[in-house]
Amino acid sequence: MAKKRGTIYLYTGEGGGKTTNALGLALRCLGHGYKVVIIQFLKWWKNTGEYKFRKKHPNYQIYQFGRKGWTGLEKLDERDKELTRKGLRFAKKVLKEKPRLLVLDEINLALHCKLLDVNELIEFLKTVPKETNVVLTGRHAPRELVQFADFVNEIIDVKHPEEMPTVRGIQF
C-alpha cells in the first residue's frame, strides 16, 4: 500500500546543526526549482542568513513566530504560547499550497515547553500531502513525534570550543 502523506524528517538532539540540516534540504529543493516554506518557532532575530535570503529567491519563504527580545526558556509566557499557536495555524494554511518542503524550525522545543500539543501536531502531520516533505527541528523531540516521523536524526555534541564562535554566514 502506497504512503498517503508526505515524508516527515525530524532533527533533534543537543548538538548544533539541526536548523542547518533543514536549510541544506531547502537549498536542494530550491536548486530544483521547488517551493520552500520555513516557519520558525521561538525565533525573532532577522539578522540571520536564512532570513535575509528571502529577498533573493522567489520560491523561498520564511516566517518567524517568536517574541522580539525573547531571552530564554525560563521566561516563556502566554505571549509565546499564542505565537506558537499562530505559527501552527499558519503552517496549516501554507500546507494547502503544497510546497515541496515545509520546515517547522524549533517546533520540537515548543512542544517540549508545552507551548503546543504533540497530538495536535501529529494530527496536522497526517494531513501532509504526498508532494510535501516536512522537516521538524529542535532539541527535546517528544517520544510520540520520534515514533511518528519517517526519518529521525539525533545530533550529538561530541566536541565544541569553550567559547562558541558566532561567525556571520556560518552560525547565523
N, C-alpha and C. Protein backbone atom coordinates (compact mmCIF):
# COMPACT_ATOMS: atom_id res chain seq x y z
N MET A 1 0.84 -1.19 0.00
CA MET A 1 0.00 0.00 0.00
C MET A 1 0.89 1.25 0.00
N ALA A 2 0.62 2.17 -0.90
CA ALA A 2 1.42 3.39 -1.01
C ALA A 2 1.12 4.33 0.14
N LYS A 3 2.16 5.04 0.55
CA LYS A 3 2.00 6.03 1.62
C LYS A 3 1.13 7.17 1.11
N LYS A 4 0.23 7.64 1.94
CA LYS A 4 -0.72 8.67 1.52
C LYS A 4 -0.31 10.08 1.92
N ARG A 5 0.77 10.21 2.63
CA ARG A 5 1.20 11.55 3.06
C ARG A 5 2.66 11.76 2.70
N GLY A 6 3.09 13.00 2.83
CA GLY A 6 4.49 13.33 2.58
C GLY A 6 5.40 12.77 3.65
N THR A 7 6.69 12.85 3.39
CA THR A 7 7.70 12.31 4.29
C THR A 7 8.01 13.31 5.40
N ILE A 8 8.16 12.80 6.62
CA ILE A 8 8.45 13.63 7.80
C ILE A 8 9.87 13.33 8.26
N TYR A 9 10.70 14.37 8.30
CA TYR A 9 12.08 14.29 8.78
C TYR A 9 12.15 15.01 10.12
N LEU A 10 12.87 14.44 11.06
CA LEU A 10 13.00 15.05 12.38
C LEU A 10 14.47 15.13 12.75
N TYR A 11 14.92 16.33 13.08
CA TYR A 11 16.29 16.56 13.55
C TYR A 11 16.21 17.05 14.98
N THR A 12 16.82 16.30 15.89
CA THR A 12 16.77 16.64 17.30
C THR A 12 18.12 16.36 17.93
N GLY A 13 18.26 16.62 19.22
CA GLY A 13 19.50 16.35 19.94
C GLY A 13 20.14 17.62 20.47
N GLU A 14 21.17 17.40 21.28
CA GLU A 14 21.85 18.52 21.95
C GLU A 14 22.91 19.19 21.09
N GLY A 15 23.32 18.56 20.01
CA GLY A 15 24.36 19.12 19.16
C GLY A 15 23.82 20.20 18.23
N GLY A 16 24.74 20.99 17.70
CA GLY A 16 24.37 22.04 16.76
C GLY A 16 24.19 21.48 15.36
N GLY A 17 23.38 22.16 14.56
CA GLY A 17 23.24 21.79 13.17
C GLY A 17 21.87 21.30 12.76
N LYS A 18 20.89 21.36 13.64
CA LYS A 18 19.56 20.88 13.30
C LYS A 18 18.91 21.79 12.25
N THR A 19 18.93 23.07 12.50
CA THR A 19 18.40 24.02 11.52
C THR A 19 19.25 24.00 10.26
N THR A 20 20.56 23.88 10.41
CA THR A 20 21.45 23.86 9.26
C THR A 20 21.15 22.65 8.36
N ASN A 21 20.84 21.50 8.93
CA ASN A 21 20.43 20.34 8.14
C ASN A 21 19.17 20.65 7.34
N ALA A 22 18.20 21.27 7.99
CA ALA A 22 16.95 21.63 7.31
C ALA A 22 17.22 22.62 6.17
N LEU A 23 18.11 23.57 6.41
CA LEU A 23 18.43 24.55 5.38
C LEU A 23 19.16 23.91 4.21
N GLY A 24 19.92 22.86 4.46
CA GLY A 24 20.56 22.12 3.38
C GLY A 24 19.53 21.48 2.46
N LEU A 25 18.48 20.91 3.05
CA LEU A 25 17.40 20.34 2.23
C LEU A 25 16.69 21.44 1.46
N ALA A 26 16.53 22.60 2.10
CA ALA A 26 15.90 23.73 1.42
C ALA A 26 16.72 24.15 0.19
N LEU A 27 18.03 24.19 0.34
CA LEU A 27 18.90 24.55 -0.78
C LEU A 27 18.74 23.57 -1.94
N ARG A 28 18.68 22.30 -1.62
CA ARG A 28 18.49 21.29 -2.67
C ARG A 28 17.16 21.49 -3.39
N CYS A 29 16.11 21.72 -2.63
CA CYS A 29 14.79 21.94 -3.25
C CYS A 29 14.82 23.16 -4.16
N LEU A 30 15.38 24.25 -3.66
CA LEU A 30 15.45 25.48 -4.44
C LEU A 30 16.25 25.27 -5.72
N GLY A 31 17.31 24.49 -5.63
CA GLY A 31 18.13 24.21 -6.80
C GLY A 31 17.36 23.49 -7.90
N HIS A 32 16.33 22.76 -7.51
CA HIS A 32 15.50 22.06 -8.48
C HIS A 32 14.25 22.86 -8.85
N GLY A 33 14.16 24.09 -8.33
CA GLY A 33 13.03 24.96 -8.69
C GLY A 33 11.78 24.76 -7.87
N TYR A 34 11.88 24.07 -6.73
CA TYR A 34 10.72 23.82 -5.89
C TYR A 34 10.52 24.92 -4.87
N LYS A 35 9.29 25.01 -4.37
CA LYS A 35 8.94 25.98 -3.34
C LYS A 35 9.29 25.45 -1.96
N VAL A 36 9.86 26.33 -1.14
CA VAL A 36 10.25 26.02 0.23
C VAL A 36 9.62 27.05 1.17
N VAL A 37 9.00 26.58 2.24
CA VAL A 37 8.46 27.47 3.27
C VAL A 37 9.06 27.05 4.61
N ILE A 38 9.66 28.02 5.28
CA ILE A 38 10.24 27.79 6.60
C ILE A 38 9.44 28.60 7.62
N ILE A 39 9.01 27.93 8.66
CA ILE A 39 8.30 28.59 9.76
C ILE A 39 9.15 28.37 11.01
N GLN A 40 9.62 29.48 11.57
CA GLN A 40 10.48 29.41 12.75
C GLN A 40 9.68 29.73 14.00
N PHE A 41 9.71 28.81 14.94
CA PHE A 41 9.05 28.99 16.23
C PHE A 41 10.09 29.47 17.24
N LEU A 42 9.69 30.37 18.13
CA LEU A 42 10.55 30.90 19.19
C LEU A 42 11.74 31.69 18.65
N LYS A 43 11.72 32.05 17.40
CA LYS A 43 12.80 32.85 16.81
C LYS A 43 12.23 34.15 16.29
N TRP A 44 13.00 35.20 16.46
CA TRP A 44 12.56 36.52 16.01
C TRP A 44 13.67 37.32 15.34
N TRP A 45 14.91 36.92 15.53
CA TRP A 45 16.05 37.70 15.06
C TRP A 45 16.14 37.61 13.54
N LYS A 46 16.13 38.76 12.89
CA LYS A 46 16.09 38.81 11.43
C LYS A 46 17.46 39.02 10.79
N ASN A 47 18.51 39.04 11.57
CA ASN A 47 19.85 39.26 11.04
C ASN A 47 20.57 37.93 10.78
N THR A 48 19.83 36.93 10.34
CA THR A 48 20.42 35.63 10.02
C THR A 48 20.44 35.46 8.51
N GLY A 49 21.37 34.67 8.02
CA GLY A 49 21.46 34.43 6.59
C GLY A 49 20.20 33.81 6.02
N GLU A 50 19.61 32.86 6.76
CA GLU A 50 18.41 32.21 6.24
C GLU A 50 17.23 33.16 6.15
N TYR A 51 17.19 34.17 7.02
CA TYR A 51 16.10 35.15 6.94
C TYR A 51 16.37 36.16 5.82
N LYS A 52 17.60 36.63 5.73
CA LYS A 52 17.95 37.61 4.70
C LYS A 52 17.79 37.04 3.29
N PHE A 53 17.95 35.73 3.15
CA PHE A 53 17.89 35.09 1.84
C PHE A 53 16.51 35.21 1.19
N ARG A 54 15.48 35.47 1.99
CA ARG A 54 14.11 35.50 1.48
C ARG A 54 13.93 36.48 0.32
N LYS A 55 14.75 37.52 0.28
CA LYS A 55 14.64 38.53 -0.78
C LYS A 55 15.35 38.10 -2.07
N LYS A 56 16.11 37.03 -2.01
CA LYS A 56 16.95 36.63 -3.13
C LYS A 56 16.38 35.50 -3.99
N HIS A 57 15.35 34.82 -3.51
CA HIS A 57 14.83 33.69 -4.27
C HIS A 57 13.30 33.66 -4.19
N PRO A 58 12.64 33.68 -5.33
CA PRO A 58 11.16 33.75 -5.33
C PRO A 58 10.47 32.52 -4.74
N ASN A 59 11.11 31.36 -4.74
CA ASN A 59 10.48 30.15 -4.22
C ASN A 59 10.78 29.90 -2.74
N TYR A 60 11.42 30.85 -2.09
CA TYR A 60 11.84 30.69 -0.70
C TYR A 60 11.07 31.66 0.18
N GLN A 61 10.38 31.13 1.17
CA GLN A 61 9.64 31.97 2.12
C GLN A 61 10.02 31.57 3.54
N ILE A 62 10.14 32.57 4.40
CA ILE A 62 10.47 32.29 5.80
C ILE A 62 9.64 33.21 6.68
N TYR A 63 9.09 32.65 7.75
CA TYR A 63 8.23 33.39 8.67
C TYR A 63 8.67 33.06 10.09
N GLN A 64 8.60 34.05 10.96
CA GLN A 64 9.02 33.86 12.34
C GLN A 64 7.86 34.09 13.30
N PHE A 65 7.75 33.20 14.26
CA PHE A 65 6.73 33.28 15.29
C PHE A 65 7.41 33.19 16.65
N GLY A 66 8.13 34.26 16.97
CA GLY A 66 8.83 34.36 18.24
C GLY A 66 8.74 35.79 18.74
N ARG A 67 8.76 35.94 20.03
CA ARG A 67 8.64 37.25 20.65
C ARG A 67 9.96 37.99 20.59
N LYS A 68 9.93 39.20 20.07
CA LYS A 68 11.14 40.01 19.97
C LYS A 68 11.77 40.20 21.34
N GLY A 69 13.06 39.95 21.39
CA GLY A 69 13.77 40.13 22.64
C GLY A 69 13.70 38.94 23.58
N TRP A 70 13.09 37.85 23.12
CA TRP A 70 12.96 36.64 23.95
C TRP A 70 14.35 36.21 24.42
N THR A 71 14.46 35.88 25.70
CA THR A 71 15.79 35.61 26.27
C THR A 71 15.96 34.26 26.94
N GLY A 72 15.05 33.34 26.75
CA GLY A 72 15.28 32.03 27.33
C GLY A 72 14.02 31.29 27.72
N LEU A 73 14.17 29.98 27.88
CA LEU A 73 13.03 29.12 28.18
C LEU A 73 12.39 29.42 29.53
N GLU A 74 13.18 29.88 30.48
CA GLU A 74 12.64 30.15 31.82
C GLU A 74 11.72 31.36 31.84
N LYS A 75 11.70 32.13 30.75
CA LYS A 75 10.87 33.35 30.72
C LYS A 75 9.71 33.25 29.73
N LEU A 76 9.37 32.05 29.31
CA LEU A 76 8.24 31.87 28.40
C LEU A 76 6.94 32.21 29.12
N ASP A 77 5.99 32.77 28.36
CA ASP A 77 4.70 33.09 28.96
C ASP A 77 3.59 32.92 27.93
N GLU A 78 2.42 33.41 28.25
CA GLU A 78 1.25 33.24 27.39
C GLU A 78 1.44 33.84 26.00
N ARG A 79 2.23 34.91 25.90
CA ARG A 79 2.50 35.52 24.57
C ARG A 79 3.24 34.52 23.68
N ASP A 80 4.18 33.79 24.26
CA ASP A 80 4.92 32.79 23.49
C ASP A 80 4.00 31.66 23.05
N LYS A 81 3.11 31.26 23.93
CA LYS A 81 2.16 30.19 23.60
C LYS A 81 1.28 30.63 22.43
N GLU A 82 0.79 31.85 22.47
CA GLU A 82 -0.07 32.34 21.39
C GLU A 82 0.69 32.46 20.08
N LEU A 83 1.93 32.90 20.13
CA LEU A 83 2.73 33.00 18.91
C LEU A 83 2.99 31.62 18.28
N THR A 84 3.27 30.62 19.11
CA THR A 84 3.50 29.29 18.55
C THR A 84 2.20 28.71 17.98
N ARG A 85 1.10 28.97 18.62
CA ARG A 85 -0.18 28.51 18.08
C ARG A 85 -0.49 29.20 16.75
N LYS A 86 -0.19 30.47 16.71
CA LYS A 86 -0.36 31.23 15.46
C LYS A 86 0.52 30.64 14.36
N GLY A 87 1.73 30.25 14.72
CA GLY A 87 2.65 29.63 13.76
C GLY A 87 2.10 28.32 13.22
N LEU A 88 1.52 27.50 14.08
CA LEU A 88 0.96 26.23 13.63
C LEU A 88 -0.28 26.47 12.76
N ARG A 89 -1.11 27.44 13.12
CA ARG A 89 -2.26 27.77 12.27
C ARG A 89 -1.78 28.22 10.89
N PHE A 90 -0.71 29.00 10.88
CA PHE A 90 -0.14 29.46 9.61
C PHE A 90 0.39 28.28 8.80
N ALA A 91 1.02 27.33 9.45
CA ALA A 91 1.53 26.14 8.76
C ALA A 91 0.39 25.37 8.10
N LYS A 92 -0.74 25.28 8.77
CA LYS A 92 -1.90 24.59 8.20
C LYS A 92 -2.37 25.29 6.93
N LYS A 93 -2.34 26.61 6.97
CA LYS A 93 -2.73 27.40 5.79
C LYS A 93 -1.74 27.20 4.64
N VAL A 94 -0.45 27.26 4.95
CA VAL A 94 0.61 27.10 3.95
C VAL A 94 0.55 25.72 3.30
N LEU A 95 0.21 24.71 4.06
CA LEU A 95 0.20 23.34 3.56
C LEU A 95 -0.75 23.17 2.37
N LYS A 96 -1.79 24.00 2.33
CA LYS A 96 -2.75 23.93 1.22
C LYS A 96 -2.09 24.28 -0.12
N GLU A 97 -0.97 25.02 -0.06
CA GLU A 97 -0.24 25.40 -1.28
C GLU A 97 0.70 24.28 -1.75
N LYS A 98 0.84 23.24 -0.98
CA LYS A 98 1.67 22.07 -1.28
C LYS A 98 3.11 22.44 -1.66
N PRO A 99 3.82 23.14 -0.77
CA PRO A 99 5.23 23.39 -1.07
C PRO A 99 5.98 22.05 -1.09
N ARG A 100 7.09 21.98 -1.78
CA ARG A 100 7.87 20.74 -1.80
C ARG A 100 8.45 20.47 -0.41
N LEU A 101 8.84 21.57 0.29
CA LEU A 101 9.44 21.44 1.61
C LEU A 101 8.82 22.45 2.57
N LEU A 102 8.38 21.96 3.71
CA LEU A 102 7.89 22.79 4.80
C LEU A 102 8.75 22.49 6.01
N VAL A 103 9.47 23.50 6.50
CA VAL A 103 10.33 23.35 7.67
C VAL A 103 9.65 24.00 8.87
N LEU A 104 9.47 23.23 9.93
CA LEU A 104 8.94 23.74 11.19
C LEU A 104 10.12 23.79 12.17
N ASP A 105 10.83 24.90 12.12
CA ASP A 105 12.08 25.07 12.84
C ASP A 105 11.82 25.35 14.32
N GLU A 106 12.44 24.58 15.18
CA GLU A 106 12.32 24.68 16.65
C GLU A 106 10.95 24.26 17.17
N ILE A 107 10.20 23.54 16.37
CA ILE A 107 8.88 23.08 16.85
C ILE A 107 9.04 22.05 17.97
N ASN A 108 10.11 21.25 17.92
CA ASN A 108 10.33 20.28 19.00
C ASN A 108 10.48 20.97 20.34
N LEU A 109 11.21 22.07 20.36
CA LEU A 109 11.41 22.82 21.61
C LEU A 109 10.09 23.43 22.08
N ALA A 110 9.30 23.93 21.14
CA ALA A 110 7.99 24.48 21.50
C ALA A 110 7.10 23.40 22.13
N LEU A 111 7.17 22.20 21.59
CA LEU A 111 6.42 21.08 22.17
C LEU A 111 6.94 20.73 23.56
N HIS A 112 8.25 20.67 23.69
CA HIS A 112 8.88 20.35 24.98
C HIS A 112 8.46 21.35 26.06
N CYS A 113 8.32 22.60 25.67
CA CYS A 113 7.94 23.66 26.62
C CYS A 113 6.43 23.77 26.81
N LYS A 114 5.69 22.83 26.24
CA LYS A 114 4.23 22.78 26.38
C LYS A 114 3.54 24.00 25.77
N LEU A 115 4.15 24.58 24.76
CA LEU A 115 3.53 25.69 24.05
C LEU A 115 2.56 25.19 22.99
N LEU A 116 2.76 23.95 22.56
CA LEU A 116 1.89 23.27 21.61
C LEU A 116 1.65 21.85 22.10
N ASP A 117 0.59 21.24 21.60
CA ASP A 117 0.26 19.86 21.97
C ASP A 117 0.77 18.91 20.90
N VAL A 118 1.52 17.90 21.30
CA VAL A 118 2.12 16.96 20.36
C VAL A 118 1.05 16.21 19.54
N ASN A 119 -0.07 15.89 20.15
CA ASN A 119 -1.12 15.18 19.43
C ASN A 119 -1.73 16.05 18.33
N GLU A 120 -1.87 17.34 18.60
CA GLU A 120 -2.38 18.26 17.58
C GLU A 120 -1.40 18.34 16.41
N LEU A 121 -0.11 18.36 16.71
CA LEU A 121 0.88 18.41 15.64
C LEU A 121 0.85 17.12 14.82
N ILE A 122 0.76 15.99 15.47
CA ILE A 122 0.72 14.71 14.75
C ILE A 122 -0.53 14.64 13.86
N GLU A 123 -1.65 15.10 14.34
CA GLU A 123 -2.86 15.12 13.51
C GLU A 123 -2.65 16.00 12.29
N PHE A 124 -2.00 17.13 12.48
CA PHE A 124 -1.66 18.01 11.35
C PHE A 124 -0.74 17.29 10.37
N LEU A 125 0.28 16.62 10.87
CA LEU A 125 1.24 15.93 10.01
C LEU A 125 0.59 14.80 9.21
N LYS A 126 -0.47 14.23 9.72
CA LYS A 126 -1.19 13.19 8.99
C LYS A 126 -1.85 13.74 7.73
N THR A 127 -2.03 15.06 7.67
CA THR A 127 -2.69 15.70 6.52
C THR A 127 -1.72 16.20 5.47
N VAL A 128 -0.42 15.98 5.68
CA VAL A 128 0.58 16.48 4.74
C VAL A 128 0.40 15.79 3.39
N PRO A 129 0.22 16.57 2.32
CA PRO A 129 0.07 15.94 1.00
C PRO A 129 1.35 15.22 0.59
N LYS A 130 1.21 14.19 -0.21
CA LYS A 130 2.37 13.38 -0.59
C LYS A 130 3.42 14.18 -1.34
N GLU A 131 3.05 15.32 -1.93
CA GLU A 131 4.01 16.16 -2.65
C GLU A 131 4.91 16.97 -1.72
N THR A 132 4.54 17.05 -0.45
CA THR A 132 5.25 17.90 0.52
C THR A 132 6.06 17.05 1.49
N ASN A 133 7.28 17.47 1.73
CA ASN A 133 8.14 16.90 2.77
C ASN A 133 8.18 17.89 3.91
N VAL A 134 8.17 17.40 5.14
CA VAL A 134 8.19 18.28 6.31
C VAL A 134 9.41 17.95 7.15
N VAL A 135 10.10 19.01 7.59
CA VAL A 135 11.23 18.86 8.49
C VAL A 135 10.88 19.51 9.82
N LEU A 136 11.09 18.77 10.89
CA LEU A 136 10.86 19.25 12.25
C LEU A 136 12.22 19.36 12.92
N THR A 137 12.52 20.51 13.52
CA THR A 137 13.81 20.66 14.19
C THR A 137 13.61 21.07 15.64
N GLY A 138 14.70 20.94 16.39
CA GLY A 138 14.72 21.40 17.78
C GLY A 138 15.09 20.29 18.75
N ARG A 139 15.65 20.71 19.85
CA ARG A 139 16.02 19.78 20.93
C ARG A 139 14.76 19.18 21.55
N HIS A 140 14.96 18.09 22.26
CA HIS A 140 13.91 17.50 23.11
C HIS A 140 12.67 17.08 22.34
N ALA A 141 12.83 16.45 21.20
CA ALA A 141 11.66 15.97 20.46
C ALA A 141 10.88 14.98 21.32
N PRO A 142 9.57 15.13 21.40
CA PRO A 142 8.77 14.19 22.19
C PRO A 142 8.83 12.78 21.60
N ARG A 143 8.76 11.80 22.44
CA ARG A 143 8.81 10.39 22.04
C ARG A 143 7.76 10.08 20.97
N GLU A 144 6.55 10.61 21.13
CA GLU A 144 5.47 10.36 20.17
C GLU A 144 5.85 10.85 18.77
N LEU A 145 6.54 11.97 18.70
CA LEU A 145 6.95 12.53 17.42
C LEU A 145 8.09 11.72 16.81
N VAL A 146 9.00 11.26 17.65
CA VAL A 146 10.09 10.40 17.18
C VAL A 146 9.50 9.13 16.56
N GLN A 147 8.49 8.56 17.20
CA GLN A 147 7.86 7.35 16.68
C GLN A 147 7.09 7.62 15.38
N PHE A 148 6.52 8.79 15.25
CA PHE A 148 5.69 9.11 14.08
C PHE A 148 6.51 9.45 12.84
N ALA A 149 7.61 10.15 13.01
CA ALA A 149 8.41 10.62 11.88
C ALA A 149 8.97 9.45 11.06
N ASP A 150 9.21 9.71 9.79
CA ASP A 150 9.78 8.69 8.90
C ASP A 150 11.29 8.58 9.06
N PHE A 151 11.96 9.72 9.18
CA PHE A 151 13.41 9.77 9.38
C PHE A 151 13.67 10.55 10.66
N VAL A 152 14.52 10.04 11.51
CA VAL A 152 14.88 10.73 12.75
C VAL A 152 16.39 10.73 12.85
N ASN A 153 16.96 11.92 13.00
CA ASN A 153 18.40 12.07 13.21
C ASN A 153 18.62 12.80 14.52
N GLU A 154 19.45 12.21 15.38
CA GLU A 154 19.81 12.86 16.63
C GLU A 154 21.21 13.45 16.47
N ILE A 155 21.31 14.74 16.65
CA ILE A 155 22.57 15.44 16.52
C ILE A 155 23.24 15.44 17.91
N ILE A 156 24.41 14.83 17.98
CA ILE A 156 25.11 14.69 19.25
C ILE A 156 26.28 15.67 19.30
N ASP A 157 26.42 16.34 20.42
CA ASP A 157 27.53 17.26 20.62
C ASP A 157 28.73 16.45 21.11
N VAL A 158 29.66 16.18 20.22
CA VAL A 158 30.85 15.42 20.58
C VAL A 158 31.92 16.34 21.15
N LYS A 159 32.05 17.52 20.55
CA LYS A 159 33.08 18.45 20.99
C LYS A 159 32.73 19.85 20.47
N HIS A 160 33.00 20.84 21.29
CA HIS A 160 32.86 22.23 20.84
C HIS A 160 33.80 23.11 21.66
N PRO A 161 34.21 24.27 21.12
CA PRO A 161 35.12 25.14 21.85
C PRO A 161 34.46 25.71 23.11
N GLU A 162 35.30 26.05 24.09
CA GLU A 162 34.78 26.65 25.31
C GLU A 162 33.97 27.90 25.00
N GLU A 163 34.53 28.74 24.16
CA GLU A 163 33.81 29.94 23.74
C GLU A 163 33.31 29.69 22.33
N MET A 164 31.98 29.63 22.20
CA MET A 164 31.38 29.32 20.90
C MET A 164 31.58 30.49 19.94
N PRO A 165 32.04 30.19 18.72
CA PRO A 165 32.17 31.26 17.73
C PRO A 165 30.82 31.66 17.20
N THR A 166 30.69 32.90 16.80
CA THR A 166 29.49 33.36 16.12
C THR A 166 29.96 34.09 14.87
N VAL A 167 30.12 33.32 13.82
CA VAL A 167 30.64 33.83 12.56
C VAL A 167 29.48 34.09 11.61
N ARG A 168 29.40 35.32 11.11
CA ARG A 168 28.35 35.68 10.15
C ARG A 168 28.48 34.75 8.95
N GLY A 169 27.37 34.18 8.53
CA GLY A 169 27.37 33.27 7.39
C GLY A 169 27.63 31.82 7.77
N ILE A 170 28.02 31.55 9.01
CA ILE A 170 28.25 30.18 9.46
C ILE A 170 27.26 29.86 10.59
N GLN A 171 27.34 30.56 11.70
CA GLN A 171 26.42 30.32 12.81
C GLN A 171 25.12 31.12 12.69
N PHE A 172 25.15 32.18 11.89
CA PHE A 172 23.91 32.96 11.71
C PHE A 172 23.87 33.63 10.38
